[in-house]
Structures are given as structure tokens and as C-alpha cells.
């Protein structure tokens, strides 16, 4: 079982490296790693398990965050209507996105970042993601709202990008006037 001790922190070189594609079908070890990543985000949202194992709550996790430089992400998040998005994907990629932007009004956080980072992170309002799940099936997801933000955050990790890289350095709360604010 993954814990916070398995998650590397800001400043570690793996977080700034572009992760390698996973050769498909994925190996048994890669499947186990990805499955344990999904277990972490699920367990971290369970108050009893989070407290028992000292897990910081998270809605997504990318393999580079556990020092595995491979293109794998796990997401467990609900949208504004309460629909659950629970996915463990190999080689996820954004194949389409809108020009319209969105942002979380209270900013983004990250399991690999131990300090608050005030500012708005511009994201695409709607995206289409393709990837391969743990059953070796290629899936296509059309996402908007919080799930779209979370998938973009995790896919950024696969490219060595941290969320705060996207915050305007001069004016952290500057955001496009037509960007859609998202409450969380």
C-alpha cells in the first residue's frame, strides 16, 4: 500500500523529467504500481483510512510522484453533479481541448508540494483524453469541470510540469476575463 512516504516532493529531479511511454500490454509490475496508485487516491478520501495511515487527501496521482518515471496516472474525483470519475490509465494524452479556459477559485494543490501556492492555474475548460486502462482497453473520456482540471494536472506531471509553473509570476491571480471559475 502506498503512503505519503512513497510520494516524492518538490525539488526531486523525477518531477521535472518527461516520463517514458509504457510499452503495452503493461507488465505485471506496472499494473500493480498503477493499481496501488488508484488505491492511494481512494484510501486518501476515506477519513478513517487517511487518518490511520497518515494519508494526505488527493484526487489524482501520477507515477513520477512516486519516483516511477512512466506515463501512468490514477484519478478518483467527483464532478459538480456527483458523478464519480475513477480511472487508472497508461499513456494518457489530451487529444482535443477547447480554447475556453477554467480555473479553481481556491487554487490547486499537489501531494508533492508541501507549501501553499496561491494563484490561479489556467486550464482548458473541456478536454478529451485517450488512454489504456488496467484491462488493456483503450478508452476515450470527454471531461469538463473538476475532472478536466485533475486530468490536466496529472498529465502535466508526466511532462515534468508542476501546477505552479502555470501561475502568472507577476500577478498570480491574473486570469483571462472569460475563464470559467470553478468552486471546489
N, C-alpha and C. Protein backbone atom coordinates (compact mmCIF):
# COMPACT_ATOMS: atom_id res chain seq x y z
N UNK A 1 0.83 -1.19 0.00
CA UNK A 1 0.00 0.00 0.00
C UNK A 1 0.88 1.25 0.00
N UNK A 2 0.55 2.19 -0.88
CA UNK A 2 1.29 3.45 -0.93
C UNK A 2 0.88 4.35 0.23
N UNK A 3 1.87 5.09 0.76
CA UNK A 3 1.60 6.09 1.79
C UNK A 3 2.29 7.38 1.38
N UNK A 4 2.17 8.40 2.21
CA UNK A 4 2.82 9.68 1.92
C UNK A 4 4.34 9.52 1.85
N UNK A 5 4.89 8.52 2.52
CA UNK A 5 6.34 8.31 2.48
C UNK A 5 6.81 7.89 1.09
N UNK A 6 5.90 7.35 0.27
CA UNK A 6 6.25 6.94 -1.09
C UNK A 6 6.22 8.09 -2.08
N UNK A 7 5.63 9.21 -1.68
CA UNK A 7 5.47 10.35 -2.59
C UNK A 7 6.65 11.29 -2.47
N UNK A 8 7.33 11.50 -3.61
CA UNK A 8 8.48 12.41 -3.62
C UNK A 8 7.98 13.85 -3.65
N UNK A 9 8.83 14.75 -3.19
CA UNK A 9 8.41 16.14 -3.04
C UNK A 9 9.11 17.06 -4.03
N UNK A 10 8.51 18.22 -4.15
CA UNK A 10 9.00 19.31 -4.98
C UNK A 10 10.52 19.42 -4.81
N UNK A 11 11.22 19.55 -5.92
CA UNK A 11 12.68 19.63 -5.89
C UNK A 11 13.33 18.33 -6.34
N UNK A 12 12.61 17.21 -6.28
CA UNK A 12 13.16 15.92 -6.73
C UNK A 12 13.24 15.94 -8.26
N UNK A 13 14.36 15.51 -8.84
CA UNK A 13 14.53 15.60 -10.29
C UNK A 13 13.50 14.81 -11.12
N UNK A 14 12.97 13.72 -10.59
CA UNK A 14 11.99 12.93 -11.35
C UNK A 14 10.75 13.77 -11.67
N UNK A 15 10.41 14.70 -10.79
CA UNK A 15 9.23 15.53 -11.02
C UNK A 15 9.41 16.50 -12.18
N UNK A 16 10.64 16.70 -12.61
CA UNK A 16 10.92 17.63 -13.71
C UNK A 16 11.33 16.91 -15.00
N UNK A 17 11.22 15.59 -15.01
CA UNK A 17 11.58 14.80 -16.18
C UNK A 17 10.34 14.39 -16.96
N UNK A 18 10.52 14.23 -18.26
CA UNK A 18 9.42 13.72 -19.09
C UNK A 18 9.38 12.20 -18.89
N UNK A 19 8.22 11.69 -18.51
CA UNK A 19 8.07 10.26 -18.23
C UNK A 19 8.04 9.45 -19.53
N UNK A 20 8.51 8.21 -19.45
CA UNK A 20 8.57 7.31 -20.61
C UNK A 20 7.20 6.68 -20.87
N UNK A 21 6.92 6.44 -22.15
CA UNK A 21 5.71 5.70 -22.53
C UNK A 21 5.79 4.31 -21.91
N UNK A 22 4.64 3.76 -21.58
CA UNK A 22 4.57 2.38 -21.10
C UNK A 22 4.37 1.50 -22.33
N UNK A 23 5.24 0.48 -22.47
CA UNK A 23 5.08 -0.47 -23.56
C UNK A 23 3.88 -1.34 -23.24
N UNK A 24 2.94 -1.40 -24.17
CA UNK A 24 1.71 -2.15 -23.95
C UNK A 24 1.74 -3.48 -24.66
N UNK A 25 1.16 -4.54 -24.11
CA UNK A 25 0.48 -4.51 -22.82
C UNK A 25 1.48 -4.28 -21.67
N UNK A 26 0.99 -3.62 -20.64
CA UNK A 26 1.83 -3.28 -19.49
C UNK A 26 2.26 -4.55 -18.75
N UNK A 27 3.40 -4.47 -18.10
CA UNK A 27 3.89 -5.61 -17.33
C UNK A 27 3.07 -5.78 -16.05
N UNK A 28 3.23 -6.92 -15.43
CA UNK A 28 2.54 -7.20 -14.16
C UNK A 28 2.93 -6.15 -13.13
N UNK A 29 4.22 -5.81 -13.08
CA UNK A 29 4.71 -4.82 -12.11
C UNK A 29 4.07 -3.45 -12.37
N UNK A 30 4.00 -3.04 -13.65
CA UNK A 30 3.39 -1.75 -13.98
C UNK A 30 1.91 -1.72 -13.60
N UNK A 31 1.22 -2.83 -13.82
CA UNK A 31 -0.19 -2.91 -13.44
C UNK A 31 -0.36 -2.78 -11.93
N UNK A 32 0.52 -3.45 -11.19
CA UNK A 32 0.45 -3.39 -9.73
C UNK A 32 0.72 -1.98 -9.22
N UNK A 33 1.69 -1.30 -9.82
CA UNK A 33 2.00 0.08 -9.43
C UNK A 33 0.79 0.98 -9.70
N UNK A 34 0.23 0.88 -10.91
CA UNK A 34 -0.90 1.73 -11.27
C UNK A 34 -2.12 1.43 -10.39
N UNK A 35 -2.35 0.18 -10.12
CA UNK A 35 -3.46 -0.20 -9.24
C UNK A 35 -3.26 0.37 -7.83
N UNK A 36 -2.03 0.33 -7.34
CA UNK A 36 -1.75 0.87 -5.99
C UNK A 36 -1.90 2.38 -5.97
N UNK A 37 -1.64 3.05 -7.10
CA UNK A 37 -1.84 4.49 -7.18
C UNK A 37 -3.33 4.84 -7.06
N UNK A 38 -4.18 4.05 -7.74
CA UNK A 38 -5.62 4.30 -7.64
C UNK A 38 -6.09 4.01 -6.21
N UNK A 39 -5.55 2.95 -5.61
CA UNK A 39 -5.90 2.64 -4.21
C UNK A 39 -5.53 3.81 -3.30
N UNK A 40 -4.37 4.44 -3.55
CA UNK A 40 -3.96 5.56 -2.70
C UNK A 40 -5.01 6.68 -2.75
N UNK A 41 -5.40 7.11 -3.96
CA UNK A 41 -6.33 8.24 -4.02
C UNK A 41 -7.69 7.87 -3.42
N UNK A 42 -8.11 6.64 -3.61
CA UNK A 42 -9.37 6.21 -2.98
C UNK A 42 -9.23 6.20 -1.45
N UNK A 43 -8.17 5.56 -0.95
CA UNK A 43 -7.95 5.48 0.50
C UNK A 43 -7.79 6.87 1.13
N UNK A 44 -7.14 7.76 0.41
CA UNK A 44 -6.88 9.10 0.95
C UNK A 44 -8.17 9.90 1.14
N UNK A 45 -9.23 9.51 0.43
CA UNK A 45 -10.51 10.19 0.55
C UNK A 45 -11.43 9.55 1.59
N UNK A 46 -10.97 8.43 2.15
CA UNK A 46 -11.71 7.75 3.22
C UNK A 46 -11.13 8.26 4.54
N UNK A 47 -11.91 9.07 5.30
CA UNK A 47 -11.36 9.69 6.51
C UNK A 47 -10.71 8.71 7.49
N UNK A 48 -11.31 7.53 7.66
CA UNK A 48 -10.73 6.56 8.60
C UNK A 48 -9.39 6.04 8.12
N UNK A 49 -9.31 5.63 6.84
CA UNK A 49 -8.05 5.12 6.30
C UNK A 49 -7.00 6.22 6.23
N UNK A 50 -7.42 7.42 5.82
CA UNK A 50 -6.48 8.55 5.72
C UNK A 50 -5.87 8.83 7.09
N UNK A 51 -6.69 8.81 8.12
CA UNK A 51 -6.20 9.06 9.47
C UNK A 51 -5.30 7.93 9.96
N UNK A 52 -5.73 6.69 9.73
CA UNK A 52 -4.97 5.53 10.19
C UNK A 52 -3.58 5.46 9.57
N UNK A 53 -3.49 5.77 8.27
CA UNK A 53 -2.22 5.63 7.56
C UNK A 53 -1.52 6.96 7.29
N UNK A 54 -2.08 8.06 7.80
CA UNK A 54 -1.46 9.38 7.61
C UNK A 54 -1.42 9.81 6.16
N UNK A 55 -2.52 9.58 5.44
CA UNK A 55 -2.59 9.92 4.01
C UNK A 55 -3.15 11.32 3.82
N UNK A 56 -2.46 12.12 3.03
CA UNK A 56 -2.98 13.43 2.68
C UNK A 56 -4.01 13.22 1.57
N UNK A 57 -5.21 13.79 1.71
CA UNK A 57 -6.23 13.57 0.69
C UNK A 57 -5.80 14.08 -0.68
N UNK A 58 -6.09 13.27 -1.69
CA UNK A 58 -5.77 13.64 -3.07
C UNK A 58 -6.83 13.09 -4.00
N UNK A 59 -6.95 13.71 -5.17
CA UNK A 59 -7.90 13.26 -6.18
C UNK A 59 -7.19 12.66 -7.39
N UNK A 60 -5.87 12.80 -7.43
CA UNK A 60 -5.11 12.25 -8.54
C UNK A 60 -3.68 12.00 -8.13
N UNK A 61 -3.03 11.10 -8.86
CA UNK A 61 -1.63 10.77 -8.60
C UNK A 61 -1.01 10.32 -9.91
N UNK A 62 0.18 10.83 -10.20
CA UNK A 62 0.93 10.44 -11.39
C UNK A 62 2.15 9.63 -10.96
N UNK A 63 2.53 8.65 -11.77
CA UNK A 63 3.65 7.77 -11.42
C UNK A 63 4.94 8.53 -11.06
N UNK A 64 5.29 9.63 -11.76
CA UNK A 64 6.51 10.34 -11.35
C UNK A 64 6.47 10.80 -9.88
N UNK A 65 5.29 10.99 -9.32
CA UNK A 65 5.20 11.42 -7.93
C UNK A 65 5.62 10.33 -6.94
N UNK A 66 5.67 9.08 -7.42
CA UNK A 66 6.18 8.01 -6.57
C UNK A 66 7.52 7.52 -7.12
N UNK A 67 8.20 8.43 -7.84
CA UNK A 67 9.53 8.20 -8.40
C UNK A 67 9.57 7.07 -9.43
N UNK A 68 8.48 6.93 -10.18
CA UNK A 68 8.41 5.99 -11.30
C UNK A 68 8.17 6.83 -12.54
N UNK A 69 9.19 7.00 -13.35
CA UNK A 69 9.10 7.91 -14.50
C UNK A 69 8.46 7.21 -15.71
N UNK A 70 7.19 6.87 -15.53
CA UNK A 70 6.42 6.23 -16.59
C UNK A 70 5.08 6.94 -16.71
N UNK A 71 4.49 6.88 -17.90
CA UNK A 71 3.26 7.61 -18.19
C UNK A 71 2.05 6.83 -17.67
N UNK A 72 1.79 7.02 -16.37
CA UNK A 72 0.67 6.36 -15.70
C UNK A 72 0.05 7.36 -14.73
N UNK A 73 -1.29 7.43 -14.73
CA UNK A 73 -1.99 8.30 -13.78
C UNK A 73 -3.18 7.57 -13.18
N UNK A 74 -3.56 7.99 -11.99
CA UNK A 74 -4.76 7.49 -11.33
C UNK A 74 -5.57 8.70 -10.88
N UNK A 75 -6.87 8.68 -11.14
CA UNK A 75 -7.76 9.78 -10.77
C UNK A 75 -9.01 9.20 -10.11
N UNK A 76 -9.42 9.82 -9.02
CA UNK A 76 -10.66 9.44 -8.33
C UNK A 76 -11.29 10.74 -7.84
N UNK A 77 -12.26 11.24 -8.61
CA UNK A 77 -12.83 12.56 -8.33
C UNK A 77 -14.29 12.60 -8.78
N UNK A 78 -15.08 13.42 -8.10
CA UNK A 78 -16.48 13.61 -8.49
C UNK A 78 -16.63 14.95 -9.19
N UNK A 79 -17.56 14.99 -10.16
CA UNK A 79 -17.86 16.26 -10.81
C UNK A 79 -18.94 17.01 -10.01
N UNK A 80 -19.34 18.16 -10.50
CA UNK A 80 -20.29 19.00 -9.76
C UNK A 80 -21.67 18.35 -9.59
N UNK A 81 -21.98 17.35 -10.42
CA UNK A 81 -23.26 16.65 -10.29
C UNK A 81 -23.15 15.41 -9.40
N UNK A 82 -21.95 15.14 -8.90
CA UNK A 82 -21.75 13.97 -8.04
C UNK A 82 -21.38 12.70 -8.78
N UNK A 83 -21.12 12.79 -10.09
CA UNK A 83 -20.69 11.61 -10.86
C UNK A 83 -19.23 11.30 -10.53
N UNK A 84 -18.95 10.02 -10.28
CA UNK A 84 -17.60 9.59 -9.91
C UNK A 84 -16.78 9.27 -11.16
N UNK A 85 -15.58 9.82 -11.21
CA UNK A 85 -14.62 9.52 -12.26
C UNK A 85 -13.46 8.81 -11.58
N UNK A 86 -13.34 7.52 -11.84
CA UNK A 86 -12.31 6.72 -11.19
C UNK A 86 -11.57 5.95 -12.28
N UNK A 87 -10.35 6.40 -12.59
CA UNK A 87 -9.60 5.83 -13.70
C UNK A 87 -8.13 5.64 -13.35
N UNK A 88 -7.59 4.54 -13.84
CA UNK A 88 -6.16 4.27 -13.79
C UNK A 88 -5.75 4.07 -15.25
N UNK A 89 -4.90 4.95 -15.76
CA UNK A 89 -4.59 4.93 -17.20
C UNK A 89 -3.10 4.86 -17.50
N UNK A 90 -2.78 4.08 -18.50
CA UNK A 90 -1.44 4.04 -19.08
C UNK A 90 -1.43 4.98 -20.28
N UNK A 91 -0.36 5.72 -20.45
CA UNK A 91 -0.14 6.59 -21.60
C UNK A 91 -1.32 7.52 -21.92
N UNK A 92 -1.85 8.21 -20.90
CA UNK A 92 -2.96 9.13 -21.19
C UNK A 92 -2.46 10.34 -21.96
N UNK A 93 -3.29 10.83 -22.85
CA UNK A 93 -2.93 12.03 -23.59
C UNK A 93 -4.19 12.82 -23.93
N UNK A 94 -4.02 14.12 -23.97
CA UNK A 94 -5.12 15.00 -24.36
C UNK A 94 -5.13 15.06 -25.88
N UNK A 95 -6.24 14.62 -26.47
CA UNK A 95 -6.31 14.60 -27.94
C UNK A 95 -7.11 15.78 -28.49
N UNK A 96 -7.90 16.43 -27.62
CA UNK A 96 -8.68 17.59 -28.02
C UNK A 96 -8.91 18.47 -26.81
N UNK A 97 -9.05 19.76 -27.06
CA UNK A 97 -9.40 20.67 -25.97
C UNK A 97 -10.05 21.92 -26.54
N UNK A 98 -10.82 22.57 -25.70
CA UNK A 98 -11.45 23.82 -26.10
C UNK A 98 -10.44 24.95 -25.96
N UNK A 99 -10.75 26.08 -26.58
CA UNK A 99 -9.95 27.28 -26.36
C UNK A 99 -10.33 27.89 -25.01
N UNK A 100 -11.59 27.70 -24.63
CA UNK A 100 -12.09 28.27 -23.37
C UNK A 100 -11.29 27.71 -22.20
N UNK A 101 -11.08 28.59 -21.21
CA UNK A 101 -10.32 28.18 -20.03
C UNK A 101 -11.18 28.18 -18.78
N UNK A 102 -10.66 27.49 -17.77
CA UNK A 102 -11.28 27.44 -16.46
C UNK A 102 -10.16 27.49 -15.42
N UNK A 103 -10.54 27.61 -14.17
CA UNK A 103 -9.56 27.60 -13.07
C UNK A 103 -10.29 27.34 -11.77
N UNK A 104 -9.58 26.78 -10.81
CA UNK A 104 -10.14 26.57 -9.48
C UNK A 104 -10.00 27.86 -8.69
N UNK A 105 -11.10 28.36 -8.14
CA UNK A 105 -11.07 29.65 -7.45
C UNK A 105 -10.21 29.62 -6.19
N UNK A 106 -10.05 28.43 -5.60
CA UNK A 106 -9.19 28.34 -4.41
C UNK A 106 -7.80 27.78 -4.76
N UNK A 107 -7.47 27.76 -6.04
CA UNK A 107 -6.16 27.31 -6.48
C UNK A 107 -6.04 25.80 -6.47
N UNK A 108 -4.89 25.32 -6.92
CA UNK A 108 -4.61 23.89 -6.95
C UNK A 108 -3.60 23.54 -5.88
N UNK A 109 -3.62 22.28 -5.50
CA UNK A 109 -2.64 21.74 -4.57
C UNK A 109 -2.06 20.49 -5.19
N UNK A 110 -1.09 19.91 -4.50
CA UNK A 110 -0.41 18.74 -5.05
C UNK A 110 0.19 17.95 -3.90
N UNK A 111 0.09 16.63 -3.99
CA UNK A 111 0.66 15.77 -2.95
C UNK A 111 2.18 15.90 -2.87
N UNK A 112 2.81 16.37 -3.95
CA UNK A 112 4.26 16.54 -3.96
C UNK A 112 4.70 17.93 -3.54
N UNK A 113 3.77 18.79 -3.18
CA UNK A 113 4.09 20.16 -2.78
C UNK A 113 3.55 20.38 -1.37
N UNK A 114 4.46 20.64 -0.45
CA UNK A 114 4.09 20.76 0.97
C UNK A 114 3.77 22.18 1.41
N UNK A 115 3.82 23.13 0.51
CA UNK A 115 3.55 24.52 0.89
C UNK A 115 2.38 25.06 0.09
N UNK A 116 1.68 26.02 0.65
CA UNK A 116 0.59 26.63 -0.13
C UNK A 116 1.17 27.40 -1.30
N UNK A 117 0.47 27.42 -2.39
CA UNK A 117 0.92 28.14 -3.58
C UNK A 117 -0.24 28.95 -4.11
N UNK A 118 -0.44 30.17 -3.58
CA UNK A 118 -1.59 30.97 -4.01
C UNK A 118 -1.49 31.41 -5.47
N UNK A 119 -2.63 31.40 -6.11
CA UNK A 119 -2.69 31.84 -7.51
C UNK A 119 -3.63 30.97 -8.31
N UNK A 120 -4.05 31.50 -9.44
CA UNK A 120 -4.94 30.77 -10.33
C UNK A 120 -4.13 30.02 -11.38
N UNK A 121 -4.55 28.77 -11.64
CA UNK A 121 -3.89 27.92 -12.63
C UNK A 121 -4.84 27.79 -13.82
N UNK A 122 -4.51 28.44 -14.94
CA UNK A 122 -5.40 28.33 -16.10
C UNK A 122 -5.36 26.91 -16.70
N UNK A 123 -6.54 26.39 -16.97
CA UNK A 123 -6.68 25.05 -17.57
C UNK A 123 -7.71 25.13 -18.69
N UNK A 124 -7.69 24.14 -19.60
CA UNK A 124 -8.73 24.07 -20.62
C UNK A 124 -10.04 23.70 -19.95
N UNK A 125 -11.14 24.32 -20.39
CA UNK A 125 -12.45 24.06 -19.78
C UNK A 125 -12.97 22.66 -20.11
N UNK A 126 -12.71 22.19 -21.33
CA UNK A 126 -13.13 20.86 -21.74
C UNK A 126 -11.98 20.18 -22.48
N UNK A 127 -11.81 18.90 -22.19
CA UNK A 127 -10.75 18.13 -22.86
C UNK A 127 -11.28 16.75 -23.22
N UNK A 128 -10.61 16.13 -24.17
CA UNK A 128 -10.84 14.72 -24.49
C UNK A 128 -9.52 14.01 -24.26
N UNK A 129 -9.56 12.96 -23.45
CA UNK A 129 -8.36 12.21 -23.08
C UNK A 129 -8.49 10.78 -23.60
N UNK A 130 -7.39 10.27 -24.14
CA UNK A 130 -7.31 8.87 -24.55
C UNK A 130 -6.24 8.20 -23.71
N UNK A 131 -6.48 6.96 -23.34
CA UNK A 131 -5.51 6.18 -22.60
C UNK A 131 -5.92 4.73 -22.59
N UNK A 132 -5.11 3.90 -21.95
CA UNK A 132 -5.38 2.47 -21.85
C UNK A 132 -5.56 2.13 -20.38
N UNK A 133 -6.65 1.42 -20.08
CA UNK A 133 -6.94 1.11 -18.67
C UNK A 133 -6.27 -0.20 -18.23
N UNK A 134 -6.53 -0.60 -17.00
CA UNK A 134 -5.91 -1.81 -16.44
C UNK A 134 -6.39 -3.09 -17.12
N UNK A 135 -7.47 -3.01 -17.91
CA UNK A 135 -7.97 -4.17 -18.66
C UNK A 135 -7.48 -4.16 -20.10
N UNK A 136 -6.46 -3.34 -20.39
CA UNK A 136 -5.88 -3.22 -21.74
C UNK A 136 -6.86 -2.67 -22.76
N UNK A 137 -7.88 -1.97 -22.29
CA UNK A 137 -8.83 -1.36 -23.22
C UNK A 137 -8.51 0.10 -23.41
N UNK A 138 -8.51 0.54 -24.69
CA UNK A 138 -8.31 1.95 -24.96
C UNK A 138 -9.62 2.66 -24.67
N UNK A 139 -9.54 3.71 -23.89
CA UNK A 139 -10.74 4.46 -23.56
C UNK A 139 -10.56 5.92 -23.94
N UNK A 140 -11.69 6.56 -24.24
CA UNK A 140 -11.71 7.98 -24.57
C UNK A 140 -12.69 8.64 -23.60
N UNK A 141 -12.23 9.69 -22.94
CA UNK A 141 -13.04 10.39 -21.95
C UNK A 141 -13.23 11.83 -22.37
N UNK A 142 -14.48 12.29 -22.37
CA UNK A 142 -14.78 13.71 -22.59
C UNK A 142 -15.01 14.31 -21.22
N UNK A 143 -14.19 15.28 -20.84
CA UNK A 143 -14.19 15.81 -19.48
C UNK A 143 -14.39 17.31 -19.45
N UNK A 144 -15.06 17.77 -18.39
CA UNK A 144 -15.20 19.19 -18.14
C UNK A 144 -15.20 19.39 -16.63
N UNK A 145 -15.12 20.64 -16.19
CA UNK A 145 -15.15 20.92 -14.77
C UNK A 145 -13.95 20.35 -14.03
N UNK A 146 -14.18 19.97 -12.76
CA UNK A 146 -13.09 19.47 -11.92
C UNK A 146 -12.38 18.25 -12.51
N UNK A 147 -13.10 17.25 -13.05
CA UNK A 147 -12.36 16.13 -13.65
C UNK A 147 -11.39 16.56 -14.75
N UNK A 148 -11.78 17.53 -15.57
CA UNK A 148 -10.88 18.02 -16.61
C UNK A 148 -9.64 18.66 -16.01
N UNK A 149 -9.82 19.43 -14.95
CA UNK A 149 -8.68 20.08 -14.28
C UNK A 149 -7.74 19.03 -13.70
N UNK A 150 -8.31 18.03 -13.03
CA UNK A 150 -7.48 16.99 -12.39
C UNK A 150 -6.69 16.21 -13.43
N UNK A 151 -7.33 15.81 -14.52
CA UNK A 151 -6.61 15.07 -15.56
C UNK A 151 -5.48 15.92 -16.14
N UNK A 152 -5.71 17.22 -16.37
CA UNK A 152 -4.65 18.08 -16.90
C UNK A 152 -3.50 18.19 -15.91
N UNK A 153 -3.81 18.31 -14.62
CA UNK A 153 -2.78 18.40 -13.57
C UNK A 153 -1.91 17.14 -13.59
N UNK A 154 -2.55 15.96 -13.66
CA UNK A 154 -1.80 14.71 -13.62
C UNK A 154 -1.00 14.49 -14.90
N UNK A 155 -1.59 14.81 -16.05
CA UNK A 155 -0.85 14.66 -17.32
C UNK A 155 0.33 15.62 -17.35
N UNK A 156 0.19 16.81 -16.78
CA UNK A 156 1.33 17.73 -16.67
C UNK A 156 2.50 17.06 -15.95
N UNK A 157 2.21 16.31 -14.87
CA UNK A 157 3.28 15.61 -14.14
C UNK A 157 4.07 14.69 -15.07
N UNK A 158 3.41 14.10 -16.05
CA UNK A 158 4.09 13.18 -16.97
C UNK A 158 5.06 13.92 -17.89
N UNK A 159 4.89 15.22 -17.97
CA UNK A 159 5.75 16.05 -18.82
C UNK A 159 6.69 16.94 -18.02
N UNK A 160 6.81 16.66 -16.72
CA UNK A 160 7.73 17.42 -15.87
C UNK A 160 7.23 18.81 -15.52
N UNK A 161 5.91 19.03 -15.62
CA UNK A 161 5.34 20.34 -15.34
C UNK A 161 4.61 20.30 -14.00
N UNK A 162 4.92 21.26 -13.14
CA UNK A 162 4.24 21.40 -11.85
C UNK A 162 3.14 22.45 -12.01
N UNK A 163 2.08 22.34 -11.23
CA UNK A 163 0.93 23.25 -11.38
C UNK A 163 1.34 24.70 -11.23
N UNK A 164 2.30 24.99 -10.34
CA UNK A 164 2.66 26.39 -10.11
C UNK A 164 3.43 26.99 -11.28
N UNK A 165 3.93 26.14 -12.20
CA UNK A 165 4.58 26.65 -13.42
C UNK A 165 3.58 27.42 -14.28
N UNK A 166 2.30 27.13 -14.12
CA UNK A 166 1.26 27.75 -14.94
C UNK A 166 0.69 29.03 -14.31
N UNK A 167 1.08 29.32 -13.08
CA UNK A 167 0.59 30.53 -12.41
C UNK A 167 1.39 31.74 -12.91
N UNK A 168 0.70 32.81 -13.20
CA UNK A 168 1.33 34.04 -13.66
C UNK A 168 2.26 34.56 -12.55
N UNK A 169 3.56 34.63 -12.83
CA UNK A 169 4.54 35.05 -11.82
C UNK A 169 4.36 36.49 -11.37
N UNK A 170 4.00 37.36 -12.30
CA UNK A 170 3.87 38.79 -11.98
C UNK A 170 2.60 39.05 -11.18
N UNK A 171 1.49 38.46 -11.62
CA UNK A 171 0.21 38.63 -10.93
C UNK A 171 -0.45 37.26 -10.79
N UNK A 172 -0.20 36.55 -9.67
CA UNK A 172 -0.69 35.17 -9.51
C UNK A 172 -2.20 35.01 -9.64
N UNK A 173 -2.95 36.08 -9.42
CA UNK A 173 -4.41 35.98 -9.50
C UNK A 173 -4.96 36.56 -10.80
N UNK A 174 -4.07 36.81 -11.76
CA UNK A 174 -4.48 37.28 -13.08
C UNK A 174 -4.96 36.06 -13.87
N UNK A 175 -6.13 36.18 -14.45
CA UNK A 175 -6.69 35.09 -15.25
C UNK A 175 -7.52 35.73 -16.35
N UNK A 176 -7.64 35.08 -17.45
CA UNK A 176 -8.43 35.57 -18.57
C UNK A 176 -9.85 35.92 -18.09
N UNK A 177 -10.35 37.06 -18.52
CA UNK A 177 -11.67 37.54 -18.08
C UNK A 177 -12.79 36.57 -18.44
N UNK A 178 -12.61 35.80 -19.54
CA UNK A 178 -13.67 34.87 -19.92
C UNK A 178 -13.44 33.46 -19.39
N UNK A 179 -12.43 33.26 -18.58
CA UNK A 179 -12.20 31.94 -17.98
C UNK A 179 -13.32 31.63 -16.99
N UNK A 180 -13.72 30.37 -16.96
CA UNK A 180 -14.84 29.95 -16.12
C UNK A 180 -14.34 29.58 -14.73
N UNK A 181 -14.80 30.30 -13.68
CA UNK A 181 -14.36 29.96 -12.32
C UNK A 181 -15.02 28.66 -11.84
N UNK A 182 -14.23 27.83 -11.19
CA UNK A 182 -14.73 26.56 -10.65
C UNK A 182 -14.56 26.57 -9.14
N UNK A 183 -15.66 26.36 -8.41
CA UNK A 183 -15.59 26.21 -6.95
C UNK A 183 -15.28 24.76 -6.66
N UNK A 184 -14.56 24.52 -5.58
CA UNK A 184 -14.28 23.13 -5.20
C UNK A 184 -14.67 22.90 -3.78
